[in-house]
C-alpha cells in the first residue's frame, strides 16, 4: 500500500473535525481515485473439488487459471491487479473491454477443457462493475465498485456466467452488439440491477 495513502488514512482516523475529515477524503480520491471497469473472476467448485481430490489438485488448477487468464486480460486492454486464492482481480478503462475479456476467458477454458480429464476442467464465474475505485498500489484497489463486482462474480454468478451491473452495461456502445438478460437478484436484502451476458 502507498505510504502516502496510509498516512492520510491515519490522519483521517485521528481528525475530529468533520469538515477537515471530508477534506482528507476529497484529497485521497483526488490523488488515488480513478474510474474503471472492474472484472472479478472466480474459479468455480473450490470446496467440492478440494474435498474430492485434495488441495494440491485444486492449486494446480488455480495455477493453470492464472497462466491462461493474464495474457487474455492484457490482450483485451486490461491489467491484472492481483490473483488472490482462486480469484482474479482485473481492471479496464471501459466495460466493453471487461466483457470481451470475460467472454474470451470462458471460451479459452472451454477449449482447454476438451483436452483434460473432467476433474481438471476449469470453470469460471465473472462479475463486472464500473465506477470509482481507489488505486493504492501494493497491488490492490478498493471501493464499492470492487465490492459489487466481487459479490456478483463470486456469490451470484454460476459457472460460465458473466454478470454485469446495469451501470456498467449502459456504458457499452449499442454498436458493440452485446446482449444481456436482466435478472432480479438480492444480496443481504438489497435488490441488484444486473444482467447476464449472452455469448
C-alpha atoms as a PDB file:
ATOM      1  CA  UNK A   1       0.000   0.000   0.000  1.00  0.00           C
ATOM      2  CA  UNK A   2       1.265   3.501  -0.851  1.00  0.00           C
ATOM      3  CA  UNK A   3       2.760   5.160   2.255  1.00  0.00           C
ATOM      4  CA  UNK A   4       1.088   8.500   1.462  1.00  0.00           C
ATOM      5  CA  UNK A   5      -2.251   6.714   1.369  1.00  0.00           C
ATOM      6  CA  UNK A   6      -1.567   5.005   4.691  1.00  0.00           C
ATOM      7  CA  UNK A   7      -0.522   8.301   6.294  1.00  0.00           C
ATOM      8  CA  UNK A   8      -3.669  10.051   5.079  1.00  0.00           C
ATOM      9  CA  UNK A   9      -5.869   7.219   6.352  1.00  0.00           C
ATOM     10  CA  UNK A  10      -4.329   7.559   9.788  1.00  0.00           C
ATOM     11  CA  UNK A  11      -4.752  11.323   9.677  1.00  0.00           C
ATOM     12  CA  UNK A  12      -8.407  10.824   8.689  1.00  0.00           C
ATOM     13  CA  UNK A  13      -8.969   8.457  11.632  1.00  0.00           C
ATOM     14  CA  UNK A  14      -7.415  10.898  14.094  1.00  0.00           C
ATOM     15  CA  UNK A  15      -9.200  14.010  12.805  1.00  0.00           C
ATOM     16  CA  UNK A  16     -12.150  15.080  14.944  1.00  0.00           C
ATOM     17  CA  UNK A  17     -13.336  17.954  12.736  1.00  0.00           C
ATOM     18  CA  UNK A  18     -15.892  16.572  10.203  1.00  0.00           C
ATOM     19  CA  UNK A  19     -15.069  19.272   7.651  1.00  0.00           C
ATOM     20  CA  UNK A  20     -11.348  18.526   7.795  1.00  0.00           C
ATOM     21  CA  UNK A  21     -12.105  14.810   7.573  1.00  0.00           C
ATOM     22  CA  UNK A  22     -14.117  15.429   4.403  1.00  0.00           C
ATOM     23  CA  UNK A  23     -11.162  17.397   3.052  1.00  0.00           C
ATOM     24  CA  UNK A  24      -8.830  14.447   3.626  1.00  0.00           C
ATOM     25  CA  UNK A  25     -11.282  12.125   1.903  1.00  0.00           C
ATOM     26  CA  UNK A  26     -11.512  14.504  -1.068  1.00  0.00           C
ATOM     27  CA  UNK A  27      -7.732  14.618  -1.240  1.00  0.00           C
ATOM     28  CA  UNK A  28      -7.477  10.816  -1.201  1.00  0.00           C
ATOM     29  CA  UNK A  29      -9.940  10.477  -4.076  1.00  0.00           C
ATOM     30  CA  UNK A  30      -8.129  13.223  -5.991  1.00  0.00           C
ATOM     31  CA  UNK A  31      -4.731  11.577  -5.601  1.00  0.00           C
ATOM     32  CA  UNK A  32      -5.669   7.900  -5.789  1.00  0.00           C
ATOM     33  CA  UNK A  33      -9.098   7.740  -7.394  1.00  0.00           C
ATOM     34  CA  UNK A  34      -9.915   6.525 -10.895  1.00  0.00           C
ATOM     35  CA  UNK A  35     -12.958   5.419 -12.859  1.00  0.00           C
ATOM     36  CA  UNK A  36     -12.511   1.840 -14.021  1.00  0.00           C
ATOM     37  CA  UNK A  37     -14.351  -1.243 -15.192  1.00  0.00           C
ATOM     38  CA  UNK A  38     -13.701  -3.991 -12.675  1.00  0.00           C
ATOM     39  CA  UNK A  39     -13.715  -7.683 -13.576  1.00  0.00           C
ATOM     40  CA  UNK A  40     -13.549 -10.238 -10.792  1.00  0.00           C
ATOM     41  CA  UNK A  41     -13.345 -13.860 -11.836  1.00  0.00           C
ATOM     42  CA  UNK A  42     -13.818 -16.844  -9.554  1.00  0.00           C
ATOM     43  CA  UNK A  43     -12.758 -20.428 -10.168  1.00  0.00           C
ATOM     44  CA  UNK A  44     -15.879 -22.484  -9.554  1.00  0.00           C
ATOM     45  CA  UNK A  45     -16.161 -25.527  -7.325  1.00  0.00           C
ATOM     46  CA  UNK A  46     -13.389 -24.935  -4.762  1.00  0.00           C
ATOM     47  CA  UNK A  47     -14.979 -26.772  -1.829  1.00  0.00           C
ATOM     48  CA  UNK A  48     -16.205 -29.772  -3.798  1.00  0.00           C
ATOM     49  CA  UNK A  49     -13.010 -30.288  -5.797  1.00  0.00           C
ATOM     50  CA  UNK A  50     -10.760 -29.818  -2.770  1.00  0.00           C
ATOM     51  CA  UNK A  51     -12.799 -32.278  -0.738  1.00  0.00           C
ATOM     52  CA  UNK A  52     -12.827 -34.805  -3.567  1.00  0.00           C
ATOM     53  CA  UNK A  53      -9.254 -34.559  -4.895  1.00  0.00           C
ATOM     54  CA  UNK A  54      -7.256 -32.590  -2.317  1.00  0.00           C
ATOM     55  CA  UNK A  55      -5.770 -29.105  -2.131  1.00  0.00           C
ATOM     56  CA  UNK A  56      -2.742 -29.861  -4.354  1.00  0.00           C
ATOM     57  CA  UNK A  57      -5.072 -30.882  -7.171  1.00  0.00           C
ATOM     58  CA  UNK A  58      -7.057 -27.668  -6.819  1.00  0.00           C
ATOM     59  CA  UNK A  59      -3.979 -25.442  -6.518  1.00  0.00           C
ATOM     60  CA  UNK A  60      -2.671 -26.927  -9.770  1.00  0.00           C
ATOM     61  CA  UNK A  61      -5.922 -25.786 -11.407  1.00  0.00           C
ATOM     62  CA  UNK A  62      -5.547 -22.319  -9.867  1.00  0.00           C
ATOM     63  CA  UNK A  63      -2.069 -22.024 -11.378  1.00  0.00           C
ATOM     64  CA  UNK A  64      -3.340 -23.048 -14.812  1.00  0.00           C
ATOM     65  CA  UNK A  65      -6.147 -20.487 -14.473  1.00  0.00           C
ATOM     66  CA  UNK A  66      -3.598 -17.759 -13.691  1.00  0.00           C
ATOM     67  CA  UNK A  67      -1.323 -18.611 -16.621  1.00  0.00           C
ATOM     68  CA  UNK A  68      -4.266 -18.649 -19.047  1.00  0.00           C
ATOM     69  CA  UNK A  69      -6.042 -15.560 -17.699  1.00  0.00           C
ATOM     70  CA  UNK A  70      -3.291 -12.953 -17.587  1.00  0.00           C
ATOM     71  CA  UNK A  71      -2.464 -12.819 -21.332  1.00  0.00           C
ATOM     72  CA  UNK A  72      -6.154 -12.792 -22.291  1.00  0.00           C
ATOM     73  CA  UNK A  73      -6.877  -9.900 -19.913  1.00  0.00           C
ATOM     74  CA  UNK A  74      -3.852  -7.943 -21.133  1.00  0.00           C
ATOM     75  CA  UNK A  75      -4.739  -8.565 -24.793  1.00  0.00           C
ATOM     76  CA  UNK A  76      -8.179  -7.092 -24.053  1.00  0.00           C
ATOM     77  CA  UNK A  77      -6.578  -3.894 -22.726  1.00  0.00           C
ATOM     78  CA  UNK A  78      -6.826  -4.801 -19.060  1.00  0.00           C
ATOM     79  CA  UNK A  79      -4.487  -5.129 -16.110  1.00  0.00           C
ATOM     80  CA  UNK A  80      -4.394  -7.975 -13.631  1.00  0.00           C
ATOM     81  CA  UNK A  81      -4.346  -6.209 -10.278  1.00  0.00           C
ATOM     82  CA  UNK A  82      -3.814  -9.421  -8.329  1.00  0.00           C
ATOM     83  CA  UNK A  83      -4.541 -13.106  -8.072  1.00  0.00           C
ATOM     84  CA  UNK A  84      -5.893 -13.998  -4.655  1.00  0.00           C
ATOM     85  CA  UNK A  85      -6.660 -17.618  -3.801  1.00  0.00           C
ATOM     86  CA  UNK A  86      -8.818 -18.833  -6.705  1.00  0.00           C
ATOM     87  CA  UNK A  87      -9.845 -15.327  -7.821  1.00  0.00           C
ATOM     88  CA  UNK A  88      -8.546 -12.964 -10.463  1.00  0.00           C
ATOM     89  CA  UNK A  89      -8.953  -9.213  -9.889  1.00  0.00           C
ATOM     90  CA  UNK A  90      -8.588  -7.133 -13.057  1.00  0.00           C
ATOM     91  CA  UNK A  91      -9.425  -3.640 -14.278  1.00  0.00           C
ATOM     92  CA  UNK A  92     -10.087  -1.986 -17.617  1.00  0.00           C
ATOM     93  CA  UNK A  93     -10.760   1.528 -18.840  1.00  0.00           C
ATOM     94  CA  UNK A  94     -14.130   0.551 -20.337  1.00  0.00           C
ATOM     95  CA  UNK A  95     -16.811  -2.078 -19.567  1.00  0.00           C
ATOM     96  CA  UNK A  96     -16.742  -3.346 -23.166  1.00  0.00           C
ATOM     97  CA  UNK A  97     -13.127  -4.423 -22.676  1.00  0.00           C
ATOM     98  CA  UNK A  98     -14.039  -6.265 -19.466  1.00  0.00           C
ATOM     99  CA  UNK A  99     -16.946  -8.060 -21.138  1.00  0.00           C
ATOM    100  CA  UNK A 100     -14.758  -9.012 -24.098  1.00  0.00           C
ATOM    101  CA  UNK A 101     -12.127 -10.422 -21.761  1.00  0.00           C
ATOM    102  CA  UNK A 102     -14.720 -12.382 -19.758  1.00  0.00           C
ATOM    103  CA  UNK A 103     -16.158 -13.913 -22.935  1.00  0.00           C
ATOM    104  CA  UNK A 104     -12.679 -14.804 -24.235  1.00  0.00           C
ATOM    105  CA  UNK A 105     -11.759 -16.336 -20.871  1.00  0.00           C
ATOM    106  CA  UNK A 106     -14.812 -18.593 -20.875  1.00  0.00           C
ATOM    107  CA  UNK A 107     -14.160 -19.662 -24.458  1.00  0.00           C
ATOM    108  CA  UNK A 108     -10.495 -20.350 -23.723  1.00  0.00           C
ATOM    109  CA  UNK A 109     -11.286 -22.548 -20.739  1.00  0.00           C
ATOM    110  CA  UNK A 110     -13.998 -24.373 -22.683  1.00  0.00           C
ATOM    111  CA  UNK A 111     -11.422 -25.170 -25.375  1.00  0.00           C
ATOM    112  CA  UNK A 112      -8.814 -26.286 -22.834  1.00  0.00           C
ATOM    113  CA  UNK A 113     -11.365 -28.481 -21.062  1.00  0.00           C
ATOM    114  CA  UNK A 114     -11.794 -30.590 -24.200  1.00  0.00           C
ATOM    115  CA  UNK A 115      -8.263 -31.885 -23.681  1.00  0.00           C
ATOM    116  CA  UNK A 116      -8.341 -32.509 -19.925  1.00  0.00           C
ATOM    117  CA  UNK A 117      -9.953 -35.084 -17.695  1.00  0.00           C
ATOM    118  CA  UNK A 118     -13.211 -33.798 -16.226  1.00  0.00           C
ATOM    119  CA  UNK A 119     -11.656 -33.440 -12.767  1.00  0.00           C
ATOM    120  CA  UNK A 120      -9.146 -30.945 -14.212  1.00  0.00           C
ATOM    121  CA  UNK A 121     -11.766 -28.892 -16.111  1.00  0.00           C
ATOM    122  CA  UNK A 122     -11.677 -25.189 -15.282  1.00  0.00           C
ATOM    123  CA  UNK A 123     -14.964 -23.340 -15.000  1.00  0.00           C
ATOM    124  CA  UNK A 124     -15.217 -19.704 -14.016  1.00  0.00           C
ATOM    125  CA  UNK A 125     -17.842 -17.193 -12.969  1.00  0.00           C
ATOM    126  CA  UNK A 126     -17.380 -13.463 -13.543  1.00  0.00           C
ATOM    127  CA  UNK A 127     -18.692 -10.170 -12.169  1.00  0.00           C
ATOM    128  CA  UNK A 128     -18.267  -6.740 -13.781  1.00  0.00           C
ATOM    129  CA  UNK A 129     -18.989  -3.253 -12.457  1.00  0.00           C
ATOM    130  CA  UNK A 130     -17.935   0.254 -13.487  1.00  0.00           C
ATOM    131  CA  UNK A 131     -17.246   3.264 -11.323  1.00  0.00           C
ATOM    132  CA  UNK A 132     -14.928   4.925  -8.821  1.00  0.00           C
ATOM    133  CA  UNK A 133     -12.046   2.956  -7.320  1.00  0.00           C
ATOM    134  CA  UNK A 134      -9.069   3.813  -5.156  1.00  0.00           C
ATOM    135  CA  UNK A 135      -5.808   2.587  -6.714  1.00  0.00           C
ATOM    136  CA  UNK A 136      -3.345   2.391  -3.869  1.00  0.00           C
ATOM    137  CA  UNK A 137      -0.561   0.164  -5.170  1.00  0.00           C
ATOM    138  CA  UNK A 138       0.551  -2.950  -3.460  1.00  0.00           C
ATOM    139  CA  UNK A 139      -1.014  -4.095  -5.851  1.00  0.00           C
ATOM    140  CA  UNK A 140      -4.585  -3.548  -4.720  1.00  0.00           C
ATOM    141  CA  UNK A 141      -7.715  -1.494  -5.260  1.00  0.00           C
ATOM    142  CA  UNK A 142     -10.753  -0.641  -3.179  1.00  0.00           C
ATOM    143  CA  UNK A 143     -14.242   0.793  -3.482  1.00  0.00           C
ATOM    144  CA  UNK A 144     -17.897  -0.072  -3.829  1.00  0.00           C
ATOM    145  CA  UNK A 145     -17.269  -0.928  -7.486  1.00  0.00           C
ATOM    146  CA  UNK A 146     -14.765  -3.619  -6.492  1.00  0.00           C
ATOM    147  CA  UNK A 147     -17.086  -4.947  -3.801  1.00  0.00           C
ATOM    148  CA  UNK A 148     -20.039  -5.135  -6.156  1.00  0.00           C
ATOM    149  CA  UNK A 149     -18.097  -6.938  -8.912  1.00  0.00           C
ATOM    150  CA  UNK A 150     -16.815  -9.359  -6.290  1.00  0.00           C
ATOM    151  CA  UNK A 151     -20.269 -10.083  -4.892  1.00  0.00           C
ATOM    152  CA  UNK A 152     -21.897 -10.798  -8.223  1.00  0.00           C
ATOM    153  CA  UNK A 153     -18.895 -12.676  -9.640  1.00  0.00           C
ATOM    154  CA  UNK A 154     -18.161 -14.859  -6.633  1.00  0.00           C
ATOM    155  CA  UNK A 155     -21.504 -15.222  -4.860  1.00  0.00           C
ATOM    156  CA  UNK A 156     -24.169 -14.988  -7.552  1.00  0.00           C
ATOM    157  CA  UNK A 157     -22.768 -15.957 -10.962  1.00  0.00           C
ATOM    158  CA  UNK A 158     -22.997 -19.603 -11.993  1.00  0.00           C
ATOM    159  CA  UNK A 159     -20.130 -21.437 -13.704  1.00  0.00           C
ATOM    160  CA  UNK A 160     -19.701 -19.955 -17.173  1.00  0.00           C
ATOM    161  CA  UNK A 161     -21.886 -16.951 -16.337  1.00  0.00           C
ATOM    162  CA  UNK A 162     -20.879 -13.299 -16.735  1.00  0.00           C
ATOM    163  CA  UNK A 163     -22.914 -10.935 -14.570  1.00  0.00           C
ATOM    164  CA  UNK A 164     -22.650  -7.190 -15.128  1.00  0.00           C
ATOM    165  CA  UNK A 165     -24.242  -4.299 -13.289  1.00  0.00           C
ATOM    166  CA  UNK A 166     -26.766  -2.176 -15.135  1.00  0.00           C
ATOM    167  CA  UNK A 167     -24.454   0.818 -14.593  1.00  0.00           C
ATOM    168  CA  UNK A 168     -21.607  -0.917 -16.431  1.00  0.00           C
ATOM    169  CA  UNK A 169     -23.837  -2.393 -19.132  1.00  0.00           C
ATOM    170  CA  UNK A 170     -25.245   1.035 -20.010  1.00  0.00           C
ATOM    171  CA  UNK A 171     -21.686   2.218 -20.824  1.00  0.00           C
ATOM    172  CA  UNK A 172     -21.340  -0.368 -23.593  1.00  0.00           C
ATOM    173  CA  UNK A 173     -21.989   1.156 -27.047  1.00  0.00           C
ATOM    174  CA  UNK A 174     -25.033  -0.253 -28.849  1.00  0.00           C
ATOM    175  CA  UNK A 175     -22.937  -0.994 -31.937  1.00  0.00           C
ATOM    176  CA  UNK A 176     -20.868  -3.466 -29.892  1.00  0.00           C
ATOM    177  CA  UNK A 177     -23.862  -5.834 -30.158  1.00  0.00           C
ATOM    178  CA  UNK A 178     -23.520  -7.121 -26.586  1.00  0.00           C
ATOM    179  CA  UNK A 179     -26.738  -8.515 -25.175  1.00  0.00           C
ATOM    180  CA  UNK A 180     -27.713  -9.199 -21.593  1.00  0.00           C
ATOM    181  CA  UNK A 181     -30.667 -10.753 -19.848  1.00  0.00           C
ATOM    182  CA  UNK A 182     -31.917  -8.658 -16.894  1.00  0.00           C
ATOM    183  CA  UNK A 183     -32.009 -10.574 -13.623  1.00  0.00           C
ATOM    184  CA  UNK A 184     -33.651  -9.900 -10.301  1.00  0.00           C
ATOM    185  CA  UNK A 185     -31.064 -10.737  -7.641  1.00  0.00           C
ATOM    186  CA  UNK A 186     -30.701  -9.866  -3.977  1.00  0.00           C
ATOM    187  CA  UNK A 187     -27.728  -9.685  -1.604  1.00  0.00           C
ATOM    188  CA  UNK A 188     -28.385  -9.091   2.102  1.00  0.00           C
ATOM    189  CA  UNK A 189     -31.830  -7.740   1.312  1.00  0.00           C
ATOM    190  CA  UNK A 190     -30.540  -5.313  -1.348  1.00  0.00           C
ATOM    191  CA  UNK A 191     -32.060  -5.688  -4.813  1.00  0.00           C
ATOM    192  CA  UNK A 192     -29.491  -5.626  -7.609  1.00  0.00           C
ATOM    193  CA  UNK A 193     -29.817  -4.340 -11.165  1.00  0.00           C
ATOM    194  CA  UNK A 194     -27.679  -6.820 -13.068  1.00  0.00           C
ATOM    195  CA  UNK A 195     -27.672  -8.553 -16.428  1.00  0.00           C
ATOM    196  CA  UNK A 196     -26.349 -11.913 -17.525  1.00  0.00           C
ATOM    197  CA  UNK A 197     -24.300 -11.518 -20.692  1.00  0.00           C
ATOM    198  CA  UNK A 198     -25.330 -13.742 -23.591  1.00  0.00           C
ATOM    199  CA  UNK A 199     -22.381 -15.007 -25.632  1.00  0.00           C
END
